[in-house]
Amino acid sequence: MDEYTDLETLSQQALCDMPKVRPVLDKIADKWTILILTVICPKPSRFNEIKRRLDGITHKALADALKRLERNGLVTRTVLPTQPIGVEYAITPLGHSLRQPFEALCAWAAENSDRIDAAAKTYDEAKDDR
């Protein structure tokens, strides 16, 4: 019984925190943010290096995401004194603080991808039988 009480309390707290939490989740839980931060976490990277490592991201999507991450304090952008001028992106301490929850989320996704695929297949097959 205590388990349900605890879940109810946590659920109520989450709902109360939602006005504060949702805007933050909107900034970090999109299609590319986790992957971009994963690429630049070990070392700063140039735009084209990030793009090469993220198969399928468009130039515009990466540029927009990096601007958003910089605006939100998760990434820094440094202009390099090279010829031609280069730009390097690095993760900030705030961005780095997402490492542990992102690693847990990625591990969960890897561990459960087969189960999710199987559930989707079962659902689709049942829907087709209707």
N, C-alpha and C. Protein backbone atom coordinates (compact mmCIF):
# COMPACT_ATOMS: atom_id res chain seq x y z
N MET A 1 0.81 -1.19 0.00
CA MET A 1 0.00 0.00 0.00
C MET A 1 0.86 1.26 0.00
N ASP A 2 2.00 1.23 0.73
CA ASP A 2 2.87 2.39 0.78
C ASP A 2 3.41 2.73 -0.61
N GLU A 3 3.64 1.70 -1.43
CA GLU A 3 4.16 1.93 -2.77
C GLU A 3 3.21 2.83 -3.56
N TYR A 4 1.90 2.56 -3.47
CA TYR A 4 0.93 3.37 -4.20
C TYR A 4 0.87 4.78 -3.64
N THR A 5 0.97 4.91 -2.33
CA THR A 5 0.98 6.22 -1.70
C THR A 5 2.18 7.02 -2.16
N ASP A 6 3.35 6.37 -2.19
CA ASP A 6 4.56 7.04 -2.66
C ASP A 6 4.42 7.46 -4.12
N LEU A 7 3.88 6.59 -4.95
CA LEU A 7 3.69 6.92 -6.36
C LEU A 7 2.71 8.07 -6.52
N GLU A 8 1.66 8.07 -5.72
CA GLU A 8 0.69 9.16 -5.77
C GLU A 8 1.33 10.48 -5.36
N THR A 9 2.13 10.45 -4.32
CA THR A 9 2.83 11.65 -3.86
C THR A 9 3.80 12.16 -4.92
N LEU A 10 4.57 11.24 -5.51
CA LEU A 10 5.50 11.62 -6.56
C LEU A 10 4.77 12.18 -7.77
N SER A 11 3.66 11.56 -8.11
CA SER A 11 2.86 12.02 -9.25
C SER A 11 2.32 13.43 -9.00
N GLN A 12 1.81 13.66 -7.81
CA GLN A 12 1.29 14.99 -7.47
C GLN A 12 2.40 16.03 -7.50
N GLN A 13 3.58 15.67 -6.99
CA GLN A 13 4.71 16.60 -7.00
C GLN A 13 5.12 16.92 -8.43
N ALA A 14 5.15 15.90 -9.28
CA ALA A 14 5.51 16.10 -10.68
C ALA A 14 4.52 17.05 -11.35
N LEU A 15 3.24 16.88 -11.07
CA LEU A 15 2.23 17.77 -11.65
C LEU A 15 2.40 19.20 -11.16
N CYS A 16 2.74 19.36 -9.89
CA CYS A 16 2.97 20.69 -9.34
C CYS A 16 4.21 21.34 -9.96
N ASP A 17 5.22 20.53 -10.25
CA ASP A 17 6.47 21.04 -10.83
C ASP A 17 6.38 21.24 -12.34
N MET A 18 5.32 20.75 -12.97
CA MET A 18 5.23 20.75 -14.42
C MET A 18 5.44 22.12 -15.07
N PRO A 19 4.91 23.21 -14.52
CA PRO A 19 5.17 24.51 -15.17
C PRO A 19 6.65 24.86 -15.25
N LYS A 20 7.43 24.36 -14.33
CA LYS A 20 8.87 24.61 -14.32
C LYS A 20 9.62 23.55 -15.13
N VAL A 21 9.16 22.32 -15.07
CA VAL A 21 9.86 21.20 -15.69
C VAL A 21 9.63 21.13 -17.20
N ARG A 22 8.42 21.34 -17.63
CA ARG A 22 8.10 21.15 -19.06
C ARG A 22 8.95 22.02 -19.99
N PRO A 23 9.10 23.32 -19.70
CA PRO A 23 9.95 24.12 -20.61
C PRO A 23 11.38 23.61 -20.69
N VAL A 24 11.91 23.10 -19.60
CA VAL A 24 13.27 22.56 -19.61
C VAL A 24 13.32 21.28 -20.44
N LEU A 25 12.34 20.40 -20.23
CA LEU A 25 12.31 19.16 -21.02
C LEU A 25 12.15 19.45 -22.50
N ASP A 26 11.38 20.48 -22.84
CA ASP A 26 11.23 20.87 -24.24
C ASP A 26 12.57 21.25 -24.86
N LYS A 27 13.47 21.77 -24.04
CA LYS A 27 14.78 22.21 -24.54
C LYS A 27 15.79 21.09 -24.67
N ILE A 28 15.62 20.01 -23.91
CA ILE A 28 16.64 18.95 -23.93
C ILE A 28 16.15 17.62 -24.45
N ALA A 29 14.85 17.46 -24.63
CA ALA A 29 14.32 16.14 -25.00
C ALA A 29 13.82 16.09 -26.44
N ASP A 30 14.51 16.80 -27.33
CA ASP A 30 14.11 16.76 -28.72
C ASP A 30 14.88 15.66 -29.45
N LYS A 31 14.73 15.62 -30.74
CA LYS A 31 15.29 14.54 -31.55
C LYS A 31 16.81 14.46 -31.51
N TRP A 32 17.52 15.59 -31.46
CA TRP A 32 18.97 15.59 -31.64
C TRP A 32 19.79 15.99 -30.43
N THR A 33 19.22 16.65 -29.44
CA THR A 33 20.01 17.20 -28.34
C THR A 33 20.87 16.17 -27.64
N ILE A 34 20.29 15.05 -27.24
CA ILE A 34 21.06 14.03 -26.52
C ILE A 34 22.23 13.55 -27.38
N LEU A 35 21.98 13.34 -28.66
CA LEU A 35 23.04 12.84 -29.53
C LEU A 35 24.13 13.88 -29.75
N ILE A 36 23.76 15.14 -29.92
CA ILE A 36 24.76 16.21 -30.10
C ILE A 36 25.63 16.31 -28.85
N LEU A 37 25.00 16.35 -27.69
CA LEU A 37 25.78 16.45 -26.46
C LEU A 37 26.67 15.22 -26.25
N THR A 38 26.20 14.07 -26.68
CA THR A 38 27.01 12.85 -26.59
C THR A 38 28.26 12.96 -27.46
N VAL A 39 28.12 13.55 -28.65
CA VAL A 39 29.26 13.71 -29.55
C VAL A 39 30.29 14.67 -28.98
N ILE A 40 29.84 15.79 -28.41
CA ILE A 40 30.82 16.80 -27.97
C ILE A 40 31.22 16.66 -26.50
N CYS A 41 30.63 15.70 -25.79
CA CYS A 41 30.97 15.51 -24.38
C CYS A 41 32.44 15.17 -24.16
N PRO A 42 33.02 14.21 -24.90
CA PRO A 42 34.42 13.85 -24.63
C PRO A 42 35.41 14.95 -25.00
N LYS A 43 35.11 15.68 -26.09
CA LYS A 43 36.04 16.73 -26.53
C LYS A 43 35.30 17.69 -27.45
N PRO A 44 35.74 18.95 -27.46
CA PRO A 44 35.13 19.92 -28.38
C PRO A 44 35.24 19.43 -29.82
N SER A 45 34.25 19.81 -30.63
CA SER A 45 34.23 19.34 -32.02
C SER A 45 33.78 20.47 -32.94
N ARG A 46 34.25 20.38 -34.16
CA ARG A 46 33.82 21.32 -35.18
C ARG A 46 32.48 20.87 -35.76
N PHE A 47 31.81 21.80 -36.41
CA PHE A 47 30.48 21.56 -36.96
C PHE A 47 30.45 20.33 -37.85
N ASN A 48 31.34 20.26 -38.84
CA ASN A 48 31.30 19.15 -39.79
C ASN A 48 31.62 17.81 -39.13
N GLU A 49 32.45 17.83 -38.10
CA GLU A 49 32.74 16.59 -37.37
C GLU A 49 31.49 16.10 -36.66
N ILE A 50 30.76 17.03 -36.05
CA ILE A 50 29.50 16.66 -35.38
C ILE A 50 28.52 16.10 -36.41
N LYS A 51 28.42 16.80 -37.53
CA LYS A 51 27.48 16.38 -38.59
C LYS A 51 27.82 14.98 -39.11
N ARG A 52 29.10 14.71 -39.31
CA ARG A 52 29.53 13.38 -39.80
C ARG A 52 29.16 12.29 -38.80
N ARG A 53 29.29 12.57 -37.53
CA ARG A 53 29.04 11.55 -36.51
C ARG A 53 27.56 11.33 -36.27
N LEU A 54 26.72 12.28 -36.69
CA LEU A 54 25.27 12.15 -36.49
C LEU A 54 24.62 11.85 -37.83
N ASP A 55 24.65 10.62 -38.20
CA ASP A 55 24.08 10.18 -39.47
C ASP A 55 22.62 10.61 -39.58
N GLY A 56 22.31 11.36 -40.62
CA GLY A 56 20.92 11.72 -40.88
C GLY A 56 20.53 13.13 -40.49
N ILE A 57 21.36 13.84 -39.75
CA ILE A 57 21.01 15.21 -39.38
C ILE A 57 21.34 16.14 -40.55
N THR A 58 20.45 17.08 -40.80
CA THR A 58 20.69 18.03 -41.87
C THR A 58 21.54 19.18 -41.34
N HIS A 59 22.13 19.92 -42.27
CA HIS A 59 22.92 21.09 -41.91
C HIS A 59 22.08 22.07 -41.09
N LYS A 60 20.88 22.35 -41.57
CA LYS A 60 19.99 23.30 -40.88
C LYS A 60 19.59 22.80 -39.50
N ALA A 61 19.24 21.53 -39.40
CA ALA A 61 18.83 20.98 -38.10
C ALA A 61 19.97 21.07 -37.08
N LEU A 62 21.20 20.77 -37.52
CA LEU A 62 22.34 20.85 -36.62
C LEU A 62 22.63 22.29 -36.23
N ALA A 63 22.61 23.20 -37.21
CA ALA A 63 22.87 24.62 -36.92
C ALA A 63 21.83 25.16 -35.93
N ASP A 64 20.56 24.85 -36.16
CA ASP A 64 19.50 25.32 -35.27
C ASP A 64 19.66 24.73 -33.87
N ALA A 65 19.98 23.45 -33.79
CA ALA A 65 20.12 22.79 -32.49
C ALA A 65 21.31 23.36 -31.72
N LEU A 66 22.42 23.59 -32.40
CA LEU A 66 23.60 24.15 -31.73
C LEU A 66 23.33 25.57 -31.22
N LYS A 67 22.62 26.36 -32.01
CA LYS A 67 22.25 27.72 -31.55
C LYS A 67 21.37 27.64 -30.31
N ARG A 68 20.41 26.72 -30.33
CA ARG A 68 19.51 26.56 -29.19
C ARG A 68 20.27 26.08 -27.96
N LEU A 69 21.17 25.13 -28.14
CA LEU A 69 21.98 24.63 -27.02
C LEU A 69 22.89 25.72 -26.46
N GLU A 70 23.45 26.53 -27.34
CA GLU A 70 24.29 27.64 -26.89
C GLU A 70 23.44 28.66 -26.11
N ARG A 71 22.28 28.99 -26.65
CA ARG A 71 21.38 29.95 -25.99
C ARG A 71 20.98 29.46 -24.60
N ASN A 72 20.79 28.15 -24.46
CA ASN A 72 20.34 27.59 -23.18
C ASN A 72 21.50 27.22 -22.24
N GLY A 73 22.72 27.58 -22.62
CA GLY A 73 23.86 27.39 -21.73
C GLY A 73 24.43 25.99 -21.67
N LEU A 74 24.08 25.14 -22.64
CA LEU A 74 24.55 23.76 -22.62
C LEU A 74 25.80 23.55 -23.47
N VAL A 75 26.05 24.50 -24.39
CA VAL A 75 27.16 24.40 -25.33
C VAL A 75 27.80 25.78 -25.47
N THR A 76 29.12 25.80 -25.66
CA THR A 76 29.79 27.04 -26.02
C THR A 76 30.26 26.96 -27.46
N ARG A 77 30.34 28.10 -28.09
CA ARG A 77 30.80 28.21 -29.47
C ARG A 77 32.03 29.10 -29.45
N THR A 78 33.14 28.56 -29.97
CA THR A 78 34.40 29.30 -29.99
C THR A 78 34.87 29.44 -31.43
N VAL A 79 35.12 30.68 -31.85
CA VAL A 79 35.68 30.93 -33.17
C VAL A 79 37.18 30.72 -33.07
N LEU A 80 37.71 29.87 -33.94
CA LEU A 80 39.13 29.53 -33.92
C LEU A 80 39.90 30.44 -34.87
N PRO A 81 41.09 30.85 -34.48
CA PRO A 81 41.89 31.74 -35.33
C PRO A 81 42.63 30.96 -36.42
N THR A 82 41.88 30.31 -37.26
CA THR A 82 42.46 29.52 -38.34
C THR A 82 42.09 30.16 -39.67
N GLN A 83 42.72 29.68 -40.72
CA GLN A 83 42.40 30.16 -42.05
C GLN A 83 41.94 28.99 -42.89
N PRO A 84 40.72 28.88 -43.35
CA PRO A 84 39.62 29.79 -43.04
C PRO A 84 39.19 29.66 -41.57
N ILE A 85 38.43 30.62 -41.12
CA ILE A 85 37.99 30.65 -39.72
C ILE A 85 37.19 29.39 -39.42
N GLY A 86 37.50 28.77 -38.30
CA GLY A 86 36.78 27.58 -37.86
C GLY A 86 35.99 27.87 -36.60
N VAL A 87 35.02 27.03 -36.34
CA VAL A 87 34.20 27.16 -35.13
C VAL A 87 34.18 25.81 -34.44
N GLU A 88 34.34 25.85 -33.13
CA GLU A 88 34.37 24.63 -32.34
C GLU A 88 33.29 24.73 -31.26
N TYR A 89 32.62 23.62 -31.03
CA TYR A 89 31.57 23.56 -30.01
C TYR A 89 32.02 22.66 -28.88
N ALA A 90 31.75 23.12 -27.66
CA ALA A 90 32.14 22.34 -26.48
C ALA A 90 30.97 22.32 -25.50
N ILE A 91 30.91 21.28 -24.73
CA ILE A 91 29.86 21.15 -23.73
C ILE A 91 30.24 22.00 -22.51
N THR A 92 29.26 22.64 -21.90
CA THR A 92 29.48 23.44 -20.71
C THR A 92 29.31 22.56 -19.47
N PRO A 93 29.69 23.06 -18.30
CA PRO A 93 29.42 22.30 -17.08
C PRO A 93 27.93 21.97 -16.90
N LEU A 94 27.06 22.90 -17.28
CA LEU A 94 25.63 22.63 -17.20
C LEU A 94 25.24 21.50 -18.14
N GLY A 95 25.74 21.55 -19.35
CA GLY A 95 25.49 20.46 -20.30
C GLY A 95 26.06 19.15 -19.83
N HIS A 96 27.25 19.22 -19.25
CA HIS A 96 27.90 18.01 -18.74
C HIS A 96 27.11 17.39 -17.59
N SER A 97 26.36 18.21 -16.85
CA SER A 97 25.57 17.68 -15.73
C SER A 97 24.43 16.79 -16.23
N LEU A 98 24.14 16.83 -17.52
CA LEU A 98 23.13 15.94 -18.11
C LEU A 98 23.70 14.56 -18.45
N ARG A 99 25.00 14.40 -18.33
CA ARG A 99 25.65 13.15 -18.74
C ARG A 99 25.05 11.93 -18.05
N GLN A 100 24.93 11.97 -16.74
CA GLN A 100 24.45 10.80 -16.01
C GLN A 100 23.00 10.45 -16.39
N PRO A 101 22.06 11.41 -16.39
CA PRO A 101 20.71 11.01 -16.80
C PRO A 101 20.63 10.58 -18.27
N PHE A 102 21.42 11.21 -19.15
CA PHE A 102 21.42 10.80 -20.55
C PHE A 102 22.00 9.40 -20.71
N GLU A 103 23.07 9.10 -19.99
CA GLU A 103 23.65 7.75 -20.06
C GLU A 103 22.64 6.71 -19.58
N ALA A 104 21.93 7.04 -18.51
CA ALA A 104 20.91 6.11 -18.00
C ALA A 104 19.80 5.93 -19.03
N LEU A 105 19.38 7.00 -19.66
CA LEU A 105 18.33 6.91 -20.68
C LEU A 105 18.80 6.11 -21.89
N CYS A 106 20.03 6.36 -22.34
CA CYS A 106 20.57 5.60 -23.47
C CYS A 106 20.72 4.12 -23.14
N ALA A 107 21.17 3.82 -21.93
CA ALA A 107 21.29 2.42 -21.51
C ALA A 107 19.93 1.75 -21.47
N TRP A 108 18.94 2.47 -20.94
CA TRP A 108 17.58 1.93 -20.90
C TRP A 108 17.07 1.66 -22.31
N ALA A 109 17.31 2.60 -23.23
CA ALA A 109 16.85 2.44 -24.62
C ALA A 109 17.51 1.23 -25.27
N ALA A 110 18.80 1.07 -25.08
CA ALA A 110 19.51 -0.08 -25.67
C ALA A 110 19.00 -1.38 -25.08
N GLU A 111 18.76 -1.38 -23.78
CA GLU A 111 18.30 -2.59 -23.09
C GLU A 111 16.88 -2.98 -23.48
N ASN A 112 16.06 -2.01 -23.81
CA ASN A 112 14.64 -2.28 -24.04
C ASN A 112 14.17 -2.11 -25.47
N SER A 113 15.08 -1.83 -26.39
CA SER A 113 14.66 -1.59 -27.78
C SER A 113 13.95 -2.79 -28.39
N ASP A 114 14.43 -4.00 -28.12
CA ASP A 114 13.79 -5.20 -28.66
C ASP A 114 12.38 -5.37 -28.09
N ARG A 115 12.21 -5.09 -26.81
CA ARG A 115 10.89 -5.21 -26.18
C ARG A 115 9.92 -4.18 -26.75
N ILE A 116 10.40 -2.98 -27.00
CA ILE A 116 9.54 -1.94 -27.57
C ILE A 116 9.16 -2.31 -29.00
N ASP A 117 10.13 -2.80 -29.78
CA ASP A 117 9.84 -3.23 -31.15
C ASP A 117 8.82 -4.37 -31.15
N ALA A 118 8.98 -5.32 -30.24
CA ALA A 118 8.05 -6.46 -30.15
C ALA A 118 6.65 -5.98 -29.76
N ALA A 119 6.57 -5.05 -28.82
CA ALA A 119 5.27 -4.53 -28.40
C ALA A 119 4.59 -3.80 -29.56
N ALA A 120 5.35 -3.01 -30.32
CA ALA A 120 4.79 -2.30 -31.46
C ALA A 120 4.29 -3.27 -32.53
N LYS A 121 5.06 -4.33 -32.76
CA LYS A 121 4.67 -5.34 -33.75
C LYS A 121 3.39 -6.05 -33.30
N THR A 122 3.31 -6.42 -32.02
CA THR A 122 2.11 -7.06 -31.48
C THR A 122 0.90 -6.14 -31.61
N TYR A 123 1.09 -4.89 -31.27
CA TYR A 123 0.00 -3.92 -31.36
C TYR A 123 -0.47 -3.78 -32.81
N ASP A 124 0.48 -3.62 -33.74
CA ASP A 124 0.13 -3.44 -35.16
C ASP A 124 -0.59 -4.66 -35.70
N GLU A 125 -0.13 -5.86 -35.33
CA GLU A 125 -0.78 -7.09 -35.79
C GLU A 125 -2.19 -7.20 -35.24
N ALA A 126 -2.38 -6.85 -33.97
CA ALA A 126 -3.72 -6.89 -33.37
C ALA A 126 -4.62 -5.86 -34.02
N LYS A 127 -4.08 -4.72 -34.35
CA LYS A 127 -4.87 -3.66 -34.99
C LYS A 127 -5.30 -4.09 -36.40
N ASP A 128 -4.41 -4.79 -37.11
CA ASP A 128 -4.73 -5.27 -38.45
C ASP A 128 -5.81 -6.34 -38.42
N ASP A 129 -5.90 -7.10 -37.32
CA ASP A 129 -6.89 -8.16 -37.19
C ASP A 129 -8.29 -7.64 -36.89
N ARG A 130 -8.42 -6.40 -36.55
CA ARG A 130 -9.73 -5.84 -36.19
C ARG A 130 -10.63 -5.65 -37.36
